[in-house]
Amino acid sequence: MATVLIVDDSPTQLHTLKTMVEGIGHDVITAENGAEGVERAKSDQPDLILMDVVMPDLNGFQATRSISRDSETSHIPVILVTTKDQETDRVWGMRQGAKAYLTKPVNAKELQSVMSEVMGG
């Protein structure tokens, strides 16, 4: 069982992802924006982060870059989960340090598969 940080500014998306991740059997902590996500990553040291991209202030690309380049949090894999489905967005996201890129709406099976792959199990 892992602790997963879900970062999304949409309460609906947060709830949907939280339900899926808990359904797989993991603990969930949440953040409602990129800046809070970066703080929670440092303070809570989750095993994995699911990061939305389109958020006010610090977007998911910026937050992922911050997490992946900080020695305190660089070991935590980030999966971007977003409505942005262009190949250029995926490539840019991976360049920021994301380990995987999922397009919303995500189904539970796909999420479980990618999480398992990224966490090395």
N, C-alpha and C. Protein backbone atom coordinates (compact mmCIF):
# COMPACT_ATOMS: atom_id res chain seq x y z
N MET A 1 0.84 -1.18 0.00
CA MET A 1 0.00 0.00 0.00
C MET A 1 0.89 1.25 0.00
N ALA A 2 0.53 2.20 -0.82
CA ALA A 2 1.32 3.42 -0.96
C ALA A 2 0.49 4.63 -0.55
N THR A 3 1.18 5.74 -0.30
CA THR A 3 0.50 7.01 -0.08
C THR A 3 0.63 7.82 -1.36
N VAL A 4 -0.52 8.24 -1.89
CA VAL A 4 -0.56 8.96 -3.16
C VAL A 4 -1.08 10.37 -2.92
N LEU A 5 -0.32 11.35 -3.39
CA LEU A 5 -0.74 12.75 -3.33
C LEU A 5 -1.44 13.08 -4.65
N ILE A 6 -2.69 13.53 -4.57
CA ILE A 6 -3.42 13.94 -5.76
C ILE A 6 -3.53 15.46 -5.75
N VAL A 7 -3.05 16.09 -6.81
CA VAL A 7 -3.08 17.55 -6.92
C VAL A 7 -4.00 17.93 -8.06
N ASP A 8 -5.13 18.58 -7.73
CA ASP A 8 -6.09 19.00 -8.76
C ASP A 8 -6.95 20.11 -8.19
N ASP A 9 -7.20 21.15 -8.99
CA ASP A 9 -8.00 22.27 -8.50
C ASP A 9 -9.50 22.03 -8.66
N SER A 10 -9.89 20.93 -9.29
CA SER A 10 -11.30 20.60 -9.46
C SER A 10 -11.74 19.62 -8.37
N PRO A 11 -12.68 20.03 -7.50
CA PRO A 11 -13.16 19.13 -6.45
C PRO A 11 -13.73 17.82 -7.04
N THR A 12 -14.37 17.91 -8.19
CA THR A 12 -14.94 16.72 -8.84
C THR A 12 -13.84 15.76 -9.26
N GLN A 13 -12.81 16.30 -9.92
CA GLN A 13 -11.68 15.45 -10.35
C GLN A 13 -10.95 14.87 -9.14
N LEU A 14 -10.75 15.69 -8.11
CA LEU A 14 -10.08 15.21 -6.89
C LEU A 14 -10.84 14.02 -6.33
N HIS A 15 -12.16 14.17 -6.23
CA HIS A 15 -13.01 13.11 -5.67
C HIS A 15 -12.93 11.84 -6.53
N THR A 16 -13.03 12.01 -7.85
CA THR A 16 -12.99 10.86 -8.77
C THR A 16 -11.67 10.10 -8.65
N LEU A 17 -10.56 10.83 -8.70
CA LEU A 17 -9.24 10.18 -8.60
C LEU A 17 -9.03 9.56 -7.23
N LYS A 18 -9.47 10.26 -6.18
CA LYS A 18 -9.33 9.75 -4.81
C LYS A 18 -10.07 8.42 -4.67
N THR A 19 -11.29 8.37 -5.19
CA THR A 19 -12.09 7.15 -5.14
C THR A 19 -11.39 6.00 -5.87
N MET A 20 -10.83 6.30 -7.05
CA MET A 20 -10.13 5.27 -7.83
C MET A 20 -8.90 4.76 -7.09
N VAL A 21 -8.08 5.68 -6.58
CA VAL A 21 -6.83 5.31 -5.92
C VAL A 21 -7.11 4.53 -4.63
N GLU A 22 -8.10 4.98 -3.87
CA GLU A 22 -8.48 4.25 -2.65
C GLU A 22 -9.05 2.88 -3.00
N GLY A 23 -9.74 2.81 -4.12
CA GLY A 23 -10.31 1.54 -4.59
C GLY A 23 -9.22 0.53 -4.94
N ILE A 24 -8.08 1.02 -5.37
CA ILE A 24 -6.93 0.15 -5.68
C ILE A 24 -6.26 -0.30 -4.37
N GLY A 25 -6.52 0.44 -3.29
CA GLY A 25 -5.97 0.05 -1.99
C GLY A 25 -4.88 0.94 -1.44
N HIS A 26 -4.78 2.17 -1.96
CA HIS A 26 -3.75 3.09 -1.47
C HIS A 26 -4.35 4.19 -0.60
N ASP A 27 -3.51 4.80 0.23
CA ASP A 27 -3.91 5.97 1.01
C ASP A 27 -3.80 7.19 0.12
N VAL A 28 -4.67 8.18 0.36
CA VAL A 28 -4.67 9.38 -0.46
C VAL A 28 -4.55 10.63 0.40
N ILE A 29 -3.69 11.55 -0.04
CA ILE A 29 -3.68 12.90 0.50
C ILE A 29 -3.91 13.82 -0.70
N THR A 30 -4.44 15.01 -0.47
CA THR A 30 -4.78 15.87 -1.61
C THR A 30 -4.24 17.28 -1.44
N ALA A 31 -4.11 17.96 -2.58
CA ALA A 31 -3.75 19.37 -2.62
C ALA A 31 -4.59 20.00 -3.73
N GLU A 32 -4.99 21.25 -3.53
CA GLU A 32 -5.91 21.88 -4.47
C GLU A 32 -5.24 22.80 -5.48
N ASN A 33 -3.91 22.90 -5.43
CA ASN A 33 -3.20 23.69 -6.44
C ASN A 33 -1.73 23.27 -6.46
N GLY A 34 -1.02 23.78 -7.47
CA GLY A 34 0.37 23.37 -7.65
C GLY A 34 1.27 23.73 -6.48
N ALA A 35 1.12 24.94 -5.95
CA ALA A 35 1.96 25.37 -4.83
C ALA A 35 1.73 24.49 -3.60
N GLU A 36 0.46 24.21 -3.31
CA GLU A 36 0.13 23.34 -2.18
C GLU A 36 0.67 21.92 -2.45
N GLY A 37 0.61 21.49 -3.70
CA GLY A 37 1.13 20.17 -4.07
C GLY A 37 2.61 20.05 -3.79
N VAL A 38 3.37 21.09 -4.12
CA VAL A 38 4.81 21.10 -3.87
C VAL A 38 5.07 21.04 -2.36
N GLU A 39 4.31 21.83 -1.59
CA GLU A 39 4.46 21.83 -0.13
C GLU A 39 4.13 20.46 0.47
N ARG A 40 3.01 19.87 0.02
CA ARG A 40 2.61 18.56 0.56
C ARG A 40 3.63 17.49 0.18
N ALA A 41 4.21 17.60 -1.01
CA ALA A 41 5.23 16.63 -1.43
C ALA A 41 6.40 16.67 -0.45
N LYS A 42 6.80 17.88 -0.05
CA LYS A 42 7.92 18.04 0.89
C LYS A 42 7.53 17.55 2.28
N SER A 43 6.36 17.97 2.76
CA SER A 43 5.99 17.68 4.15
C SER A 43 5.54 16.24 4.36
N ASP A 44 4.84 15.67 3.37
CA ASP A 44 4.26 14.34 3.55
C ASP A 44 5.05 13.20 2.90
N GLN A 45 5.97 13.55 1.99
CA GLN A 45 6.80 12.55 1.30
C GLN A 45 5.97 11.36 0.79
N PRO A 46 4.99 11.63 -0.09
CA PRO A 46 4.18 10.53 -0.63
C PRO A 46 5.02 9.60 -1.51
N ASP A 47 4.46 8.42 -1.80
CA ASP A 47 5.15 7.46 -2.66
C ASP A 47 4.98 7.78 -4.14
N LEU A 48 3.93 8.57 -4.43
CA LEU A 48 3.58 8.88 -5.82
C LEU A 48 2.73 10.14 -5.83
N ILE A 49 2.82 10.91 -6.92
CA ILE A 49 1.99 12.10 -7.07
C ILE A 49 1.23 12.02 -8.39
N LEU A 50 -0.08 12.26 -8.33
CA LEU A 50 -0.91 12.42 -9.53
C LEU A 50 -1.16 13.92 -9.65
N MET A 51 -0.69 14.52 -10.74
CA MET A 51 -0.67 15.98 -10.89
C MET A 51 -1.50 16.44 -12.08
N ASP A 52 -2.49 17.30 -11.80
CA ASP A 52 -3.24 17.97 -12.86
C ASP A 52 -2.30 18.99 -13.50
N VAL A 53 -2.59 19.42 -14.73
CA VAL A 53 -1.74 20.41 -15.37
C VAL A 53 -2.36 21.80 -15.31
N VAL A 54 -3.63 21.92 -15.70
CA VAL A 54 -4.26 23.22 -15.81
C VAL A 54 -4.78 23.67 -14.44
N MET A 55 -3.97 24.50 -13.76
CA MET A 55 -4.34 25.03 -12.46
C MET A 55 -3.88 26.48 -12.39
N PRO A 56 -4.57 27.31 -11.59
CA PRO A 56 -4.15 28.71 -11.48
C PRO A 56 -2.81 28.83 -10.76
N ASP A 57 -2.16 29.95 -10.93
CA ASP A 57 -0.86 30.26 -10.31
C ASP A 57 0.21 29.27 -10.78
N LEU A 58 0.56 28.31 -9.97
CA LEU A 58 1.60 27.34 -10.31
C LEU A 58 0.92 26.16 -11.03
N ASN A 59 1.14 26.02 -12.34
CA ASN A 59 0.48 24.92 -13.04
C ASN A 59 1.21 23.60 -12.81
N GLY A 60 0.64 22.52 -13.30
CA GLY A 60 1.18 21.19 -13.06
C GLY A 60 2.57 20.97 -13.65
N PHE A 61 2.84 21.60 -14.79
CA PHE A 61 4.18 21.48 -15.38
C PHE A 61 5.21 22.13 -14.45
N GLN A 62 4.88 23.34 -13.96
CA GLN A 62 5.80 24.07 -13.07
C GLN A 62 5.99 23.32 -11.74
N ALA A 63 4.88 22.80 -11.19
CA ALA A 63 4.95 22.08 -9.92
C ALA A 63 5.76 20.80 -10.08
N THR A 64 5.57 20.10 -11.19
CA THR A 64 6.32 18.86 -11.46
C THR A 64 7.81 19.17 -11.58
N ARG A 65 8.13 20.24 -12.28
CA ARG A 65 9.53 20.63 -12.43
C ARG A 65 10.14 20.94 -11.06
N SER A 66 9.40 21.66 -10.25
CA SER A 66 9.87 22.02 -8.91
C SER A 66 10.12 20.76 -8.07
N ILE A 67 9.18 19.83 -8.09
CA ILE A 67 9.29 18.58 -7.31
C ILE A 67 10.45 17.72 -7.82
N SER A 68 10.56 17.60 -9.13
CA SER A 68 11.58 16.70 -9.70
C SER A 68 13.00 17.26 -9.59
N ARG A 69 13.12 18.57 -9.36
CA ARG A 69 14.46 19.17 -9.27
C ARG A 69 14.88 19.49 -7.84
N ASP A 70 14.00 19.24 -6.87
CA ASP A 70 14.32 19.51 -5.47
C ASP A 70 14.84 18.22 -4.84
N SER A 71 16.01 18.29 -4.19
CA SER A 71 16.60 17.08 -3.62
C SER A 71 15.70 16.41 -2.58
N GLU A 72 14.83 17.19 -1.94
CA GLU A 72 13.92 16.62 -0.93
C GLU A 72 12.81 15.77 -1.56
N THR A 73 12.48 16.07 -2.81
CA THR A 73 11.31 15.42 -3.43
C THR A 73 11.60 14.75 -4.77
N SER A 74 12.83 14.84 -5.26
CA SER A 74 13.14 14.34 -6.61
C SER A 74 12.93 12.83 -6.76
N HIS A 75 12.92 12.09 -5.64
CA HIS A 75 12.73 10.63 -5.69
C HIS A 75 11.25 10.24 -5.85
N ILE A 76 10.33 11.21 -5.72
CA ILE A 76 8.90 10.90 -5.79
C ILE A 76 8.44 10.95 -7.25
N PRO A 77 7.94 9.83 -7.78
CA PRO A 77 7.48 9.86 -9.17
C PRO A 77 6.19 10.68 -9.32
N VAL A 78 6.12 11.44 -10.41
CA VAL A 78 4.94 12.25 -10.72
C VAL A 78 4.29 11.72 -11.99
N ILE A 79 2.98 11.49 -11.93
CA ILE A 79 2.21 11.15 -13.12
C ILE A 79 1.30 12.34 -13.41
N LEU A 80 1.45 12.93 -14.59
CA LEU A 80 0.56 14.02 -14.98
C LEU A 80 -0.77 13.43 -15.42
N VAL A 81 -1.86 13.99 -14.91
CA VAL A 81 -3.20 13.53 -15.26
C VAL A 81 -3.97 14.77 -15.72
N THR A 82 -4.23 14.85 -17.02
CA THR A 82 -4.70 16.13 -17.56
C THR A 82 -5.64 15.98 -18.75
N THR A 83 -6.37 17.05 -19.03
CA THR A 83 -7.23 17.08 -20.22
C THR A 83 -6.41 17.47 -21.45
N LYS A 84 -5.19 17.95 -21.25
CA LYS A 84 -4.34 18.37 -22.38
C LYS A 84 -3.81 17.12 -23.09
N ASP A 85 -4.33 16.86 -24.27
CA ASP A 85 -4.03 15.59 -24.94
C ASP A 85 -3.12 15.73 -26.17
N GLN A 86 -2.46 16.87 -26.31
CA GLN A 86 -1.55 17.05 -27.44
C GLN A 86 -0.21 16.38 -27.16
N GLU A 87 0.40 15.84 -28.19
CA GLU A 87 1.71 15.19 -28.05
C GLU A 87 2.74 16.18 -27.49
N THR A 88 2.66 17.45 -27.92
CA THR A 88 3.62 18.45 -27.43
C THR A 88 3.49 18.63 -25.91
N ASP A 89 2.26 18.55 -25.39
CA ASP A 89 2.06 18.66 -23.95
C ASP A 89 2.69 17.46 -23.24
N ARG A 90 2.50 16.27 -23.81
CA ARG A 90 3.05 15.06 -23.21
C ARG A 90 4.58 15.14 -23.16
N VAL A 91 5.18 15.53 -24.28
CA VAL A 91 6.64 15.64 -24.35
C VAL A 91 7.14 16.69 -23.35
N TRP A 92 6.48 17.84 -23.29
CA TRP A 92 6.87 18.90 -22.36
C TRP A 92 6.74 18.41 -20.91
N GLY A 93 5.67 17.71 -20.62
CA GLY A 93 5.45 17.18 -19.27
C GLY A 93 6.55 16.23 -18.85
N MET A 94 6.95 15.35 -19.77
CA MET A 94 8.02 14.40 -19.47
C MET A 94 9.35 15.14 -19.26
N ARG A 95 9.55 16.22 -20.02
CA ARG A 95 10.78 17.02 -19.85
C ARG A 95 10.82 17.70 -18.49
N GLN A 96 9.67 17.96 -17.90
CA GLN A 96 9.63 18.60 -16.58
C GLN A 96 9.93 17.61 -15.47
N GLY A 97 9.98 16.32 -15.81
CA GLY A 97 10.32 15.32 -14.81
C GLY A 97 9.23 14.31 -14.53
N ALA A 98 8.10 14.41 -15.24
CA ALA A 98 7.02 13.43 -15.03
C ALA A 98 7.47 12.05 -15.50
N LYS A 99 6.99 11.02 -14.82
CA LYS A 99 7.34 9.64 -15.17
C LYS A 99 6.30 9.05 -16.13
N ALA A 100 5.10 9.64 -16.15
CA ALA A 100 4.05 9.16 -17.04
C ALA A 100 3.05 10.29 -17.27
N TYR A 101 2.19 10.10 -18.28
CA TYR A 101 1.25 11.14 -18.68
C TYR A 101 -0.06 10.46 -19.03
N LEU A 102 -1.11 10.76 -18.28
CA LEU A 102 -2.43 10.20 -18.55
C LEU A 102 -3.40 11.30 -18.95
N THR A 103 -4.27 11.01 -19.90
CA THR A 103 -5.26 11.98 -20.33
C THR A 103 -6.61 11.68 -19.68
N LYS A 104 -7.24 12.73 -19.16
CA LYS A 104 -8.58 12.60 -18.56
C LYS A 104 -9.60 12.43 -19.68
N PRO A 105 -10.70 11.73 -19.47
CA PRO A 105 -10.99 10.98 -18.25
C PRO A 105 -10.18 9.68 -18.18
N VAL A 106 -9.64 9.41 -17.00
CA VAL A 106 -8.81 8.23 -16.77
C VAL A 106 -9.71 7.11 -16.28
N ASN A 107 -9.45 5.88 -16.74
CA ASN A 107 -10.20 4.77 -16.15
C ASN A 107 -9.32 4.08 -15.11
N ALA A 108 -9.97 3.43 -14.16
CA ALA A 108 -9.27 2.86 -13.00
C ALA A 108 -8.22 1.84 -13.40
N LYS A 109 -8.52 1.03 -14.42
CA LYS A 109 -7.59 -0.01 -14.84
C LYS A 109 -6.30 0.60 -15.40
N GLU A 110 -6.46 1.61 -16.25
CA GLU A 110 -5.31 2.29 -16.84
C GLU A 110 -4.49 2.97 -15.73
N LEU A 111 -5.17 3.63 -14.80
CA LEU A 111 -4.51 4.30 -13.69
C LEU A 111 -3.71 3.31 -12.86
N GLN A 112 -4.33 2.20 -12.52
CA GLN A 112 -3.66 1.18 -11.70
C GLN A 112 -2.42 0.65 -12.42
N SER A 113 -2.55 0.39 -13.70
CA SER A 113 -1.45 -0.14 -14.49
C SER A 113 -0.27 0.83 -14.52
N VAL A 114 -0.54 2.11 -14.79
CA VAL A 114 0.52 3.11 -14.88
C VAL A 114 1.15 3.37 -13.51
N MET A 115 0.32 3.41 -12.45
CA MET A 115 0.85 3.60 -11.11
C MET A 115 1.78 2.47 -10.73
N SER A 116 1.37 1.26 -11.02
CA SER A 116 2.16 0.09 -10.70
C SER A 116 3.50 0.12 -11.45
N GLU A 117 3.45 0.49 -12.71
CA GLU A 117 4.65 0.58 -13.55
C GLU A 117 5.62 1.63 -12.99
N VAL A 118 5.09 2.81 -12.66
CA VAL A 118 5.92 3.91 -12.17
C VAL A 118 6.51 3.62 -10.79
N MET A 119 5.77 2.91 -9.95
CA MET A 119 6.25 2.61 -8.60
C MET A 119 7.11 1.35 -8.59
N GLY A 120 7.31 0.77 -9.78
CA GLY A 120 8.20 -0.38 -9.88
C GLY A 120 7.64 -1.66 -9.30
N GLY A 121 6.33 -1.87 -9.54
CA GLY A 121 5.75 -3.10 -9.02
C GLY A 121 4.52 -3.35 -9.76
